[in-house]
Every structure is written in C-alpha cells, then in structure tokens.
C-alpha atoms as a PDB file:
ATOM      1  CA  UNK A   1      14.956 -11.759  27.164  1.00  0.00           C
ATOM      2  CA  UNK A   2      18.224 -10.462  25.649  1.00  0.00           C
ATOM      3  CA  UNK A   3      19.825 -13.932  25.676  1.00  0.00           C
ATOM      4  CA  UNK A   4      16.796 -15.379  23.878  1.00  0.00           C
ATOM      5  CA  UNK A   5      16.845 -12.854  21.042  1.00  0.00           C
ATOM      6  CA  UNK A   6      20.583 -13.109  20.263  1.00  0.00           C
ATOM      7  CA  UNK A   7      20.406 -16.727  19.022  1.00  0.00           C
ATOM      8  CA  UNK A   8      17.342 -15.676  17.043  1.00  0.00           C
ATOM      9  CA  UNK A   9      19.296 -12.756  15.537  1.00  0.00           C
ATOM     10  CA  UNK A  10      22.088 -15.042  14.569  1.00  0.00           C
ATOM     11  CA  UNK A  11      19.656 -17.497  13.071  1.00  0.00           C
ATOM     12  CA  UNK A  12      18.250 -14.615  11.056  1.00  0.00           C
ATOM     13  CA  UNK A  13      21.216 -14.881   8.693  1.00  0.00           C
ATOM     14  CA  UNK A  14      21.014 -18.615   8.352  1.00  0.00           C
ATOM     15  CA  UNK A  15      17.270 -19.242   8.472  1.00  0.00           C
ATOM     16  CA  UNK A  16      15.717 -16.035   7.168  1.00  0.00           C
ATOM     17  CA  UNK A  17      18.121 -14.756   4.506  1.00  0.00           C
ATOM     18  CA  UNK A  18      18.216 -17.983   2.638  1.00  0.00           C
ATOM     19  CA  UNK A  19      14.417 -18.551   2.421  1.00  0.00           C
ATOM     20  CA  UNK A  20      13.763 -14.887   1.590  1.00  0.00           C
ATOM     21  CA  UNK A  21      16.520 -14.842  -0.958  1.00  0.00           C
ATOM     22  CA  UNK A  22      15.226 -18.026  -2.448  1.00  0.00           C
ATOM     23  CA  UNK A  23      11.841 -16.432  -2.812  1.00  0.00           C
ATOM     24  CA  UNK A  24      13.443 -13.806  -5.023  1.00  0.00           C
ATOM     25  CA  UNK A  25      12.566 -16.184  -7.844  1.00  0.00           C
ATOM     26  CA  UNK A  26       8.913 -15.395  -7.100  1.00  0.00           C
ATOM     27  CA  UNK A  27       9.546 -11.759  -8.027  1.00  0.00           C
ATOM     28  CA  UNK A  28       8.986 -11.681 -11.753  1.00  0.00           C
ATOM     29  CA  UNK A  29      11.436 -10.161 -14.231  1.00  0.00           C
ATOM     30  CA  UNK A  30       8.698  -7.651 -15.118  1.00  0.00           C
ATOM     31  CA  UNK A  31       8.469  -6.528 -11.435  1.00  0.00           C
ATOM     32  CA  UNK A  32      12.221  -6.133 -11.192  1.00  0.00           C
ATOM     33  CA  UNK A  33      12.574  -4.448 -14.579  1.00  0.00           C
ATOM     34  CA  UNK A  34      15.227  -1.751 -14.034  1.00  0.00           C
ATOM     35  CA  UNK A  35      15.556  -2.741 -10.348  1.00  0.00           C
ATOM     36  CA  UNK A  36      18.185  -5.400 -11.108  1.00  0.00           C
ATOM     37  CA  UNK A  37      21.088  -5.473  -8.709  1.00  0.00           C
ATOM     38  CA  UNK A  38      23.257  -2.412  -9.248  1.00  0.00           C
ATOM     39  CA  UNK A  39      25.759  -0.630  -7.038  1.00  0.00           C
ATOM     40  CA  UNK A  40      23.300   2.290  -6.751  1.00  0.00           C
ATOM     41  CA  UNK A  41      20.475  -0.017  -5.678  1.00  0.00           C
ATOM     42  CA  UNK A  42      22.627  -1.666  -3.055  1.00  0.00           C
ATOM     43  CA  UNK A  43      23.902   1.674  -1.872  1.00  0.00           C
ATOM     44  CA  UNK A  44      20.276   2.789  -1.286  1.00  0.00           C
ATOM     45  CA  UNK A  45      19.585  -0.426   0.676  1.00  0.00           C
ATOM     46  CA  UNK A  46      22.717   0.243   2.742  1.00  0.00           C
ATOM     47  CA  UNK A  47      21.612   3.869   3.407  1.00  0.00           C
ATOM     48  CA  UNK A  48      18.280   2.531   4.647  1.00  0.00           C
ATOM     49  CA  UNK A  49      19.989   0.010   6.950  1.00  0.00           C
ATOM     50  CA  UNK A  50      22.049   2.842   8.437  1.00  0.00           C
ATOM     51  CA  UNK A  51      18.986   5.057   8.728  1.00  0.00           C
ATOM     52  CA  UNK A  52      17.124   2.356  10.640  1.00  0.00           C
ATOM     53  CA  UNK A  53      20.051   1.946  13.066  1.00  0.00           C
ATOM     54  CA  UNK A  54      20.378   5.691  13.523  1.00  0.00           C
ATOM     55  CA  UNK A  55      16.689   6.102  14.236  1.00  0.00           C
ATOM     56  CA  UNK A  56      16.624   3.304  16.757  1.00  0.00           C
ATOM     57  CA  UNK A  57      19.768   4.550  18.449  1.00  0.00           C
ATOM     58  CA  UNK A  58      18.468   8.132  18.616  1.00  0.00           C
ATOM     59  CA  UNK A  59      15.369   7.005  20.424  1.00  0.00           C
ATOM     60  CA  UNK A  60      16.959   4.355  22.638  1.00  0.00           C
ATOM     61  CA  UNK A  61      20.076   6.283  23.633  1.00  0.00           C
ATOM     62  CA  UNK A  62      18.818   9.818  23.200  1.00  0.00           C
ATOM     63  CA  UNK A  63      21.653  12.359  23.191  1.00  0.00           C
ATOM     64  CA  UNK A  64      19.106  14.942  24.335  1.00  0.00           C
ATOM     65  CA  UNK A  65      18.401  13.213  27.676  1.00  0.00           C
ATOM     66  CA  UNK A  66      21.215  12.955  30.195  1.00  0.00           C
ATOM     67  CA  UNK A  67      21.624   9.472  31.652  1.00  0.00           C
ATOM     68  CA  UNK A  68      19.821   9.052  34.954  1.00  0.00           C
ATOM     69  CA  UNK A  69      21.032   6.276  37.271  1.00  0.00           C
ATOM     70  CA  UNK A  70      18.455   3.528  37.584  1.00  0.00           C
ATOM     71  CA  UNK A  71      16.370   4.692  34.580  1.00  0.00           C
ATOM     72  CA  UNK A  72      16.059   2.269  31.738  1.00  0.00           C
ATOM     73  CA  UNK A  73      16.568   3.568  28.194  1.00  0.00           C
ATOM     74  CA  UNK A  74      13.574   3.802  25.951  1.00  0.00           C
ATOM     75  CA  UNK A  75      12.641   0.449  24.428  1.00  0.00           C
ATOM     76  CA  UNK A  76      13.411  -0.255  20.810  1.00  0.00           C
ATOM     77  CA  UNK A  77      10.537   0.239  18.461  1.00  0.00           C
ATOM     78  CA  UNK A  78       9.047  -2.373  16.177  1.00  0.00           C
ATOM     79  CA  UNK A  79       9.294  -1.939  12.390  1.00  0.00           C
ATOM     80  CA  UNK A  80       5.560  -1.229  12.278  1.00  0.00           C
ATOM     81  CA  UNK A  81       5.917   1.910  14.441  1.00  0.00           C
ATOM     82  CA  UNK A  82       9.476   3.075  13.671  1.00  0.00           C
ATOM     83  CA  UNK A  83       8.270   5.283  10.757  1.00  0.00           C
ATOM     84  CA  UNK A  84       6.214   7.360  13.194  1.00  0.00           C
ATOM     85  CA  UNK A  85       9.189   8.163  15.391  1.00  0.00           C
ATOM     86  CA  UNK A  86      10.314  11.751  15.943  1.00  0.00           C
ATOM     87  CA  UNK A  87      13.678  11.069  14.221  1.00  0.00           C
ATOM     88  CA  UNK A  88      12.010   9.752  11.048  1.00  0.00           C
ATOM     89  CA  UNK A  89       9.529  12.587  11.075  1.00  0.00           C
ATOM     90  CA  UNK A  90      12.418  15.052  11.252  1.00  0.00           C
ATOM     91  CA  UNK A  91      14.248  13.356   8.409  1.00  0.00           C
ATOM     92  CA  UNK A  92      11.123  13.443   6.212  1.00  0.00           C
ATOM     93  CA  UNK A  93      11.276  17.224   6.317  1.00  0.00           C
ATOM     94  CA  UNK A  94      14.907  17.342   5.215  1.00  0.00           C
ATOM     95  CA  UNK A  95      15.460  18.477   1.658  1.00  0.00           C
ATOM     96  CA  UNK A  96      18.657  16.418   1.157  1.00  0.00           C
ATOM     97  CA  UNK A  97      19.327  12.727   0.423  1.00  0.00           C
ATOM     98  CA  UNK A  98      18.248  11.615   3.894  1.00  0.00           C
ATOM     99  CA  UNK A  99      14.903  13.311   3.530  1.00  0.00           C
ATOM    100  CA  UNK A 100      14.423  11.877   0.060  1.00  0.00           C
ATOM    101  CA  UNK A 101      15.068   8.340   1.328  1.00  0.00           C
ATOM    102  CA  UNK A 102      12.941   8.808   4.462  1.00  0.00           C
ATOM    103  CA  UNK A 103      10.011   9.901   2.303  1.00  0.00           C
ATOM    104  CA  UNK A 104      10.560   7.057  -0.235  1.00  0.00           C
ATOM    105  CA  UNK A 105      10.571   4.259   2.400  1.00  0.00           C
ATOM    106  CA  UNK A 106       7.272   2.516   3.061  1.00  0.00           C
ATOM    107  CA  UNK A 107       7.777   2.409   6.875  1.00  0.00           C
ATOM    108  CA  UNK A 108       6.123  -0.585   8.490  1.00  0.00           C
ATOM    109  CA  UNK A 109       5.684  -2.446   5.185  1.00  0.00           C
ATOM    110  CA  UNK A 110       7.375  -5.778   4.474  1.00  0.00           C
ATOM    111  CA  UNK A 111       8.670  -4.161   1.275  1.00  0.00           C
ATOM    112  CA  UNK A 112      10.174  -0.849   2.476  1.00  0.00           C
ATOM    113  CA  UNK A 113      11.753  -0.055  -0.936  1.00  0.00           C
ATOM    114  CA  UNK A 114      10.743  -1.480  -4.289  1.00  0.00           C
ATOM    115  CA  UNK A 115      11.690  -5.186  -4.363  1.00  0.00           C
ATOM    116  CA  UNK A 116      13.483  -5.081  -0.968  1.00  0.00           C
ATOM    117  CA  UNK A 117      12.055  -7.325   1.752  1.00  0.00           C
ATOM    118  CA  UNK A 118      12.563  -6.688   5.492  1.00  0.00           C
ATOM    119  CA  UNK A 119      12.351  -9.215   8.306  1.00  0.00           C
ATOM    120  CA  UNK A 120      12.335  -7.640  11.769  1.00  0.00           C
ATOM    121  CA  UNK A 121      12.733  -8.939  15.324  1.00  0.00           C
ATOM    122  CA  UNK A 122      12.718  -6.834  18.459  1.00  0.00           C
ATOM    123  CA  UNK A 123      12.044  -6.539  22.091  1.00  0.00           C
ATOM    124  CA  UNK A 124      12.658  -3.733  24.557  1.00  0.00           C
ATOM    125  CA  UNK A 125      16.405  -4.231  24.731  1.00  0.00           C
ATOM    126  CA  UNK A 126      17.408  -5.251  21.224  1.00  0.00           C
ATOM    127  CA  UNK A 127      16.397  -5.595  17.584  1.00  0.00           C
ATOM    128  CA  UNK A 128      17.649  -7.353  14.472  1.00  0.00           C
ATOM    129  CA  UNK A 129      16.680  -7.098  10.862  1.00  0.00           C
ATOM    130  CA  UNK A 130      17.454  -8.527   7.453  1.00  0.00           C
ATOM    131  CA  UNK A 131      16.939  -6.357   4.340  1.00  0.00           C
ATOM    132  CA  UNK A 132      16.954  -8.582   1.310  1.00  0.00           C
ATOM    133  CA  UNK A 133      17.137  -7.514  -2.388  1.00  0.00           C
ATOM    134  CA  UNK A 134      14.473  -9.629  -3.996  1.00  0.00           C
ATOM    135  CA  UNK A 135      15.778  -8.925  -7.507  1.00  0.00           C
ATOM    136  CA  UNK A 136      19.369 -10.006  -6.853  1.00  0.00           C
ATOM    137  CA  UNK A 137      20.103 -13.359  -8.407  1.00  0.00           C
ATOM    138  CA  UNK A 138      22.524 -14.165  -5.509  1.00  0.00           C
ATOM    139  CA  UNK A 139      20.120 -13.314  -2.706  1.00  0.00           C
ATOM    140  CA  UNK A 140      21.981 -10.214  -1.623  1.00  0.00           C
ATOM    141  CA  UNK A 141      20.970  -8.843   1.849  1.00  0.00           C
ATOM    142  CA  UNK A 142      22.007  -6.547   4.635  1.00  0.00           C
ATOM    143  CA  UNK A 143      21.774  -7.770   8.231  1.00  0.00           C
ATOM    144  CA  UNK A 144      22.017  -5.580  11.284  1.00  0.00           C
ATOM    145  CA  UNK A 145      21.054  -5.257  14.928  1.00  0.00           C
ATOM    146  CA  UNK A 146      21.163  -2.799  17.868  1.00  0.00           C
ATOM    147  CA  UNK A 147      24.946  -2.710  17.788  1.00  0.00           C
ATOM    148  CA  UNK A 148      24.664  -0.766  14.538  1.00  0.00           C
ATOM    149  CA  UNK A 149      27.043  -2.856  12.468  1.00  0.00           C
ATOM    150  CA  UNK A 150      25.662  -3.668   8.999  1.00  0.00           C
ATOM    151  CA  UNK A 151      26.758  -6.914   7.436  1.00  0.00           C
ATOM    152  CA  UNK A 152      26.397  -7.976   3.794  1.00  0.00           C
ATOM    153  CA  UNK A 153      25.019 -11.482   3.147  1.00  0.00           C
ATOM    154  CA  UNK A 154      24.432 -13.617   0.094  1.00  0.00           C
ATOM    155  CA  UNK A 155      22.485 -16.839  -0.299  1.00  0.00           C
ATOM    156  CA  UNK A 156      25.207 -19.477   0.159  1.00  0.00           C
ATOM    157  CA  UNK A 157      23.338 -21.947  -2.031  1.00  0.00           C
ATOM    158  CA  UNK A 158      23.098 -19.738  -5.090  1.00  0.00           C
ATOM    159  CA  UNK A 159      26.323 -17.747  -4.634  1.00  0.00           C
ATOM    160  CA  UNK A 160      28.455 -20.836  -4.929  1.00  0.00           C
ATOM    161  CA  UNK A 161      29.157 -20.937  -8.656  1.00  0.00           C
ATOM    162  CA  UNK A 162      31.859 -23.083 -10.155  1.00  0.00           C
ATOM    163  CA  UNK A 163      33.809 -21.159 -12.781  1.00  0.00           C
ATOM    164  CA  UNK A 164      36.414 -22.812 -14.971  1.00  0.00           C
ATOM    165  CA  UNK A 165      39.952 -21.676 -14.515  1.00  0.00           C
ATOM    166  CA  UNK A 166      41.175 -19.654 -17.466  1.00  0.00           C
ATOM    167  CA  UNK A 167      44.230 -21.229 -19.065  1.00  0.00           C
ATOM    168  CA  UNK A 168      46.918 -19.166 -20.800  1.00  0.00           C
END
C-alpha cells in the first residue's frame, strides 16, 4: 500500500496543485476581499500545515506510548476525522496562537481556512496533502506528507511571467 500512495503523493504536486490553483479564478474578488496573498496569510497556512503534521505524528508515533516490538503504530487519520483527535482537542483549549488557529480551522472541510483549499490522501501508513491559497494569483500552495516536511509550490503555468530586463 505504501508504494502505491507515494507516486500518488508525488502526483499531488503536479496533478492537484495546478488544477486547484487554476480554479482560484473561480473564487471571486469579492470573496477574496482582504484575503489577498499576504505574508501573514501565507504564515497562517504554513502554521496549519505544521499543525496537521504535528497532530498526525502525535497520534501515529505517540511519545506517551513506549514502542512495543511487533505492535504497529496507530494508523494515520483521514482529514474528515483529524479534527476530533485528542491532540486537536487539546490545542483547542489553549489560549495562545495554537489554540486560536485550532479553533479557527474548519476541520474536515475542503476549505479549512477562508479561501484555502485542502486535498488529502491517506492510508494506515502514510498521508499527503496540498493546502492551496485560492486567492493567490500564482496558485501558491503548501504540500506535505507523513515525513513532516512542508514544501511551497506555485502553479508553474501562471508563475512563469516574462519581465523585461531593465536597462541602465
């Protein structure tokens, strides 16, 4: 199963980011309003990507349970049930920035934050997701998986802009 999901996770960047980013045009200017791409907006998306990875890792590789030979780790959760996990429930009670974000996220929704789209794949041993800013003109997205590394992506079709060379 693991070998089958890895090509799918890699295809996520090529196949999913580009169509989702292209559908950003379907999000009207009125819907985006003040949600236009800003460093603060992208920082919030990055914090969500890290929060997702931390929640999955906490459940899958629980630091509270000692490793037992022959026992499989807990399976990774799907996006539709991750919000009900113990880790997320704990963060929702936090008064700091993590708690604020955990309460703001619409867990299980295809739009976890305003004008951010998530695409999620998982099985028991791995997961991968793309978090796309639907208001970014260049199709900005974060891509991650069970390894916990978060990559930035942009729609290659729209990000390729020819700019004239300034002459002195």
